[in-house]
PDB file of N, CA and C in Angstrom:
ATOM      1  N   MET A   1      67.472  76.175  83.061  1.00  0.00           N
ATOM      2  CA  MET A   1      68.480  77.004  82.403  1.00  0.00           C
ATOM      3  C   MET A   1      67.978  78.442  82.341  1.00  0.00           C
ATOM      4  N   LEU A   2      68.872  79.360  82.566  1.00  0.00           N
ATOM      5  CA  LEU A   2      68.504  80.763  82.516  1.00  0.00           C
ATOM      6  C   LEU A   2      68.300  81.199  81.072  1.00  0.00           C
ATOM      7  N   GLU A   3      67.329  82.059  80.884  1.00  0.00           N
ATOM      8  CA  GLU A   3      67.101  82.605  79.556  1.00  0.00           C
ATOM      9  C   GLU A   3      68.241  83.555  79.213  1.00  0.00           C
ATOM     10  N   GLN A   4      68.442  83.794  77.929  1.00  0.00           N
ATOM     11  CA  GLN A   4      69.524  84.675  77.488  1.00  0.00           C
ATOM     12  C   GLN A   4      69.378  86.062  78.102  1.00  0.00           C
ATOM     13  N   GLN A   5      68.149  86.570  78.191  1.00  0.00           N
ATOM     14  CA  GLN A   5      67.922  87.896  78.763  1.00  0.00           C
ATOM     15  C   GLN A   5      68.336  87.924  80.235  1.00  0.00           C
ATOM     16  N   SER A   6      68.059  86.850  80.972  1.00  0.00           N
ATOM     17  CA  SER A   6      68.445  86.777  82.379  1.00  0.00           C
ATOM     18  C   SER A   6      69.959  86.745  82.528  1.00  0.00           C
ATOM     19  N   ILE A   7      70.620  86.010  81.652  1.00  0.00           N
ATOM     20  CA  ILE A   7      72.079  85.933  81.702  1.00  0.00           C
ATOM     21  C   ILE A   7      72.682  87.306  81.439  1.00  0.00           C
ATOM     22  N   LEU A   8      72.139  88.031  80.466  1.00  0.00           N
ATOM     23  CA  LEU A   8      72.644  89.369  80.173  1.00  0.00           C
ATOM     24  C   LEU A   8      72.412  90.312  81.346  1.00  0.00           C
ATOM     25  N   ALA A   9      71.282  90.183  82.034  1.00  0.00           N
ATOM     26  CA  ALA A   9      71.010  91.009  83.212  1.00  0.00           C
ATOM     27  C   ALA A   9      72.012  90.704  84.322  1.00  0.00           C
ATOM     28  N   LEU A  10      72.345  89.432  84.501  1.00  0.00           N
ATOM     29  CA  LEU A  10      73.340  89.056  85.511  1.00  0.00           C
ATOM     30  C   LEU A  10      74.713  89.637  85.172  1.00  0.00           C
ATOM     31  N   LEU A  11      75.092  89.563  83.905  1.00  0.00           N
ATOM     32  CA  LEU A  11      76.385  90.112  83.492  1.00  0.00           C
ATOM     33  C   LEU A  11      76.423  91.623  83.670  1.00  0.00           C
ATOM     34  N   GLN A  12      75.319  92.295  83.357  1.00  0.00           N
ATOM     35  CA  GLN A  12      75.257  93.741  83.537  1.00  0.00           C
ATOM     36  C   GLN A  12      75.396  94.090  85.016  1.00  0.00           C
ATOM     37  N   THR A  13      74.712  93.352  85.869  1.00  0.00           N
ATOM     38  CA  THR A  13      74.792  93.594  87.306  1.00  0.00           C
ATOM     39  C   THR A  13      76.216  93.383  87.805  1.00  0.00           C
ATOM     40  N   PHE A  14      76.856  92.309  87.368  1.00  0.00           N
ATOM     41  CA  PHE A  14      78.236  92.035  87.761  1.00  0.00           C
ATOM     42  C   PHE A  14      79.157  93.160  87.314  1.00  0.00           C
ATOM     43  N   GLU A  15      79.007  93.609  86.071  1.00  0.00           N
ATOM     44  CA  GLU A  15      79.878  94.654  85.527  1.00  0.00           C
ATOM     45  C   GLU A  15      79.730  95.952  86.305  1.00  0.00           C
ATOM     46  N   VAL A  16      78.500  96.361  86.569  1.00  0.00           N
ATOM     47  CA  VAL A  16      78.267  97.615  87.288  1.00  0.00           C
ATOM     48  C   VAL A  16      78.797  97.517  88.718  1.00  0.00           C
ATOM     49  N   THR A  17      78.564  96.387  89.371  1.00  0.00           N
ATOM     50  CA  THR A  17      79.046  96.199  90.741  1.00  0.00           C
ATOM     51  C   THR A  17      80.574  96.207  90.779  1.00  0.00           C
ATOM     52  N   ALA A  18      81.218  95.542  89.830  1.00  0.00           N
ATOM     53  CA  ALA A  18      82.679  95.515  89.783  1.00  0.00           C
ATOM     54  C   ALA A  18      83.247  96.907  89.521  1.00  0.00           C
ATOM     55  N   ARG A  19      82.599  97.661  88.671  1.00  0.00           N
ATOM     56  CA  ARG A  19      83.072  99.006  88.352  1.00  0.00           C
ATOM     57  C   ARG A  19      83.009  99.917  89.576  1.00  0.00           C
ATOM     58  N   HIS A  20      81.931  99.811  90.338  1.00  0.00           N
ATOM     59  CA  HIS A  20      81.758 100.668  91.516  1.00  0.00           C
ATOM     60  C   HIS A  20      82.411 100.090  92.772  1.00  0.00           C
ATOM     61  N   LEU A  21      82.683  98.792  92.778  1.00  0.00           N
ATOM     62  CA  LEU A  21      83.171  98.101  93.975  1.00  0.00           C
ATOM     63  C   LEU A  21      82.235  98.332  95.155  1.00  0.00           C
ATOM     64  N   SER A  22      80.941  98.431  94.840  1.00  0.00           N
ATOM     65  CA  SER A  22      79.938  98.706  95.871  1.00  0.00           C
ATOM     66  C   SER A  22      78.575  98.243  95.370  1.00  0.00           C
ATOM     67  N   PHE A  23      77.921  97.394  96.172  1.00  0.00           N
ATOM     68  CA  PHE A  23      76.568  96.974  95.808  1.00  0.00           C
ATOM     69  C   PHE A  23      75.601  98.151  95.869  1.00  0.00           C
ATOM     70  N   THR A  24      75.793  99.027  96.851  1.00  0.00           N
ATOM     71  CA  THR A  24      74.898 100.173  97.019  1.00  0.00           C
ATOM     72  C   THR A  24      74.977 101.110  95.823  1.00  0.00           C
ATOM     73  N   LEU A  25      76.191 101.461  95.405  1.00  0.00           N
ATOM     74  CA  LEU A  25      76.345 102.358  94.257  1.00  0.00           C
ATOM     75  C   LEU A  25      75.863 101.703  92.966  1.00  0.00           C
ATOM     76  N   ALA A  26      76.110 100.409  92.824  1.00  0.00           N
ATOM     77  CA  ALA A  26      75.631  99.694  91.638  1.00  0.00           C
ATOM     78  C   ALA A  26      74.111  99.683  91.605  1.00  0.00           C
ATOM     79  N   ALA A  27      73.493  99.417  92.747  1.00  0.00           N
ATOM     80  CA  ALA A  27      72.032  99.407  92.809  1.00  0.00           C
ATOM     81  C   ALA A  27      71.478 100.779  92.463  1.00  0.00           C
ATOM     82  N   HIS A  28      72.123 101.829  92.944  1.00  0.00           N
ATOM     83  CA  HIS A  28      71.666 103.191  92.645  1.00  0.00           C
ATOM     84  C   HIS A  28      71.732 103.444  91.139  1.00  0.00           C
ATOM     85  N   GLU A  29      72.831 103.062  90.502  1.00  0.00           N
ATOM     86  CA  GLU A  29      72.969 103.267  89.056  1.00  0.00           C
ATOM     87  C   GLU A  29      71.903 102.506  88.271  1.00  0.00           C
ATOM     88  N   MET A  30      71.540 101.308  88.742  1.00  0.00           N
ATOM     89  CA  MET A  30      70.573 100.476  88.030  1.00  0.00           C
ATOM     90  C   MET A  30      69.134 100.712  88.497  1.00  0.00           C
ATOM     91  N   ASN A  31      68.937 101.740  89.345  1.00  0.00           N
ATOM     92  CA  ASN A  31      67.606 102.060  89.872  1.00  0.00           C
ATOM     93  C   ASN A  31      66.990 100.888  90.622  1.00  0.00           C
ATOM     94  N   LEU A  32      67.812 100.214  91.420  1.00  0.00           N
ATOM     95  CA  LEU A  32      67.350  99.118  92.266  1.00  0.00           C
ATOM     96  C   LEU A  32      67.507  99.527  93.720  1.00  0.00           C
ATOM     97  N   THR A  33      66.733  98.894  94.596  1.00  0.00           N
ATOM     98  CA  THR A  33      66.960  99.074  96.018  1.00  0.00           C
ATOM     99  C   THR A  33      67.961  98.007  96.433  1.00  0.00           C
ATOM    100  N   PRO A  34      69.030  98.367  97.138  1.00  0.00           N
ATOM    101  CA  PRO A  34      70.107  97.416  97.423  1.00  0.00           C
ATOM    102  C   PRO A  34      69.669  96.173  98.185  1.00  0.00           C
ATOM    103  N   GLY A  35      68.779  96.306  99.144  1.00  0.00           N
ATOM    104  CA  GLY A  35      68.404  95.169  99.971  1.00  0.00           C
ATOM    105  C   GLY A  35      67.500  94.171  99.293  1.00  0.00           C
ATOM    106  N   SER A  36      66.571  94.648  98.523  1.00  0.00           N
ATOM    107  CA  SER A  36      65.568  93.744  97.970  1.00  0.00           C
ATOM    108  C   SER A  36      65.855  93.294  96.551  1.00  0.00           C
ATOM    109  N   GLY A  37      66.666  94.036  95.827  1.00  0.00           N
ATOM    110  CA  GLY A  37      66.921  93.684  94.437  1.00  0.00           C
ATOM    111  C   GLY A  37      65.730  93.955  93.538  1.00  0.00           C
ATOM    112  N   GLN A  38      64.804  94.753  94.021  1.00  0.00           N
ATOM    113  CA  GLN A  38      63.614  95.102  93.258  1.00  0.00           C
ATOM    114  C   GLN A  38      63.753  96.530  92.746  1.00  0.00           C
ATOM    115  N   PRO A  39      63.096  96.863  91.639  1.00  0.00           N
ATOM    116  CA  PRO A  39      63.159  98.228  91.128  1.00  0.00           C
ATOM    117  C   PRO A  39      62.613  99.212  92.148  1.00  0.00           C
ATOM    118  N   SER A  40      63.310 100.339  92.325  1.00  0.00           N
ATOM    119  CA  SER A  40      62.809 101.365  93.225  1.00  0.00           C
ATOM    120  C   SER A  40      61.679 102.148  92.564  1.00  0.00           C
ATOM    121  N   ASP A  41      61.568 102.056  91.244  1.00  0.00           N
ATOM    122  CA  ASP A  41      60.484 102.684  90.499  1.00  0.00           C
ATOM    123  C   ASP A  41      59.537 101.586  90.032  1.00  0.00           C
ATOM    124  N   PRO A  42      58.312 101.525  90.580  1.00  0.00           N
ATOM    125  CA  PRO A  42      57.389 100.447  90.190  1.00  0.00           C
ATOM    126  C   PRO A  42      57.078 100.433  88.698  1.00  0.00           C
ATOM    127  N   GLN A  43      57.243 101.568  88.026  1.00  0.00           N
ATOM    128  CA  GLN A  43      56.972 101.638  86.593  1.00  0.00           C
ATOM    129  C   GLN A  43      58.089 100.995  85.772  1.00  0.00           C
ATOM    130  N   ALA A  44      59.209 100.661  86.397  1.00  0.00           N
ATOM    131  CA  ALA A  44      60.347 100.101  85.668  1.00  0.00           C
ATOM    132  C   ALA A  44      60.051  98.709  85.121  1.00  0.00           C
ATOM    133  N   GLY A  45      59.121  98.008  85.732  1.00  0.00           N
ATOM    134  CA  GLY A  45      58.734  96.696  85.239  1.00  0.00           C
ATOM    135  C   GLY A  45      59.747  95.625  85.570  1.00  0.00           C
ATOM    136  N   ASP A  46      59.688  94.522  84.851  1.00  0.00           N
ATOM    137  CA  ASP A  46      60.528  93.371  85.133  1.00  0.00           C
ATOM    138  C   ASP A  46      61.915  93.466  84.507  1.00  0.00           C
ATOM    139  N   ALA A  47      62.180  94.482  83.729  1.00  0.00           N
ATOM    140  CA  ALA A  47      63.450  94.560  83.012  1.00  0.00           C
ATOM    141  C   ALA A  47      64.655  94.622  83.940  1.00  0.00           C
ATOM    142  N   HIS A  48      64.470  95.123  85.158  1.00  0.00           N
ATOM    143  CA  HIS A  48      65.600  95.290  86.072  1.00  0.00           C
ATOM    144  C   HIS A  48      65.667  94.213  87.141  1.00  0.00           C
ATOM    145  N   ARG A  49      64.790  93.241  87.111  1.00  0.00           N
ATOM    146  CA  ARG A  49      64.836  92.183  88.124  1.00  0.00           C
ATOM    147  C   ARG A  49      65.999  91.249  87.837  1.00  0.00           C
ATOM    148  N   VAL A  50      66.661  90.849  88.887  1.00  0.00           N
ATOM    149  CA  VAL A  50      67.846  90.011  88.747  1.00  0.00           C
ATOM    150  C   VAL A  50      67.621  88.707  89.485  1.00  0.00           C
ATOM    151  N   SER A  51      67.958  87.604  88.840  1.00  0.00           N
ATOM    152  CA  SER A  51      67.863  86.289  89.466  1.00  0.00           C
ATOM    153  C   SER A  51      69.132  86.026  90.264  1.00  0.00           C
ATOM    154  N   PRO A  52      69.070  85.148  91.257  1.00  0.00           N
ATOM    155  CA  PRO A  52      70.279  84.809  92.004  1.00  0.00           C
ATOM    156  C   PRO A  52      71.315  84.155  91.095  1.00  0.00           C
ATOM    157  N   VAL A  53      72.581  84.406  91.381  1.00  0.00           N
ATOM    158  CA  VAL A  53      73.656  83.826  90.586  1.00  0.00           C
ATOM    159  C   VAL A  53      73.677  82.316  90.766  1.00  0.00           C
ATOM    160  N   TYR A  54      73.436  81.847  91.997  1.00  0.00           N
ATOM    161  CA  TYR A  54      73.417  80.423  92.293  1.00  0.00           C
ATOM    162  C   TYR A  54      72.014  80.032  92.732  1.00  0.00           C
ATOM    163  N   PRO A  55      71.173  79.583  91.807  1.00  0.00           N
ATOM    164  CA  PRO A  55      69.805  79.205  92.178  1.00  0.00           C
ATOM    165  C   PRO A  55      69.802  78.132  93.259  1.00  0.00           C
ATOM    166  N   HIS A  56      68.854  78.221  94.182  1.00  0.00           N
ATOM    167  CA  HIS A  56      68.758  77.290  95.296  1.00  0.00           C
ATOM    168  C   HIS A  56      68.374  75.883  94.854  1.00  0.00           C
ATOM    169  N   ASP A  57      67.717  75.763  93.704  1.00  0.00           N
ATOM    170  CA  ASP A  57      67.256  74.450  93.263  1.00  0.00           C
ATOM    171  C   ASP A  57      68.311  73.691  92.455  1.00  0.00           C
ATOM    172  N   ALA A  58      69.475  74.267  92.295  1.00  0.00           N
ATOM    173  CA  ALA A  58      70.532  73.607  91.500  1.00  0.00           C
ATOM    174  C   ALA A  58      71.296  72.594  92.323  1.00  0.00           C
TER     175      ALA A  58
END
C-alpha cells in the first residue's frame, strides 16, 4: 500500500499535469526532468520523487 505522502505526491503530479496538459510543462513546474522522473536539482531530495501510478508488482 502506498504511504499517504506518496498518494499526495501522485495527486499533485496528476493535478499539475492536467492543468498544463503537458508532461514537460508539469515536470518543469515541479523541478523534475520529464524523462526520468527524478529531481533536476540533486539538493531537492526525495520529496519530489514520484512512484508509478500502477505498480508492476500489483
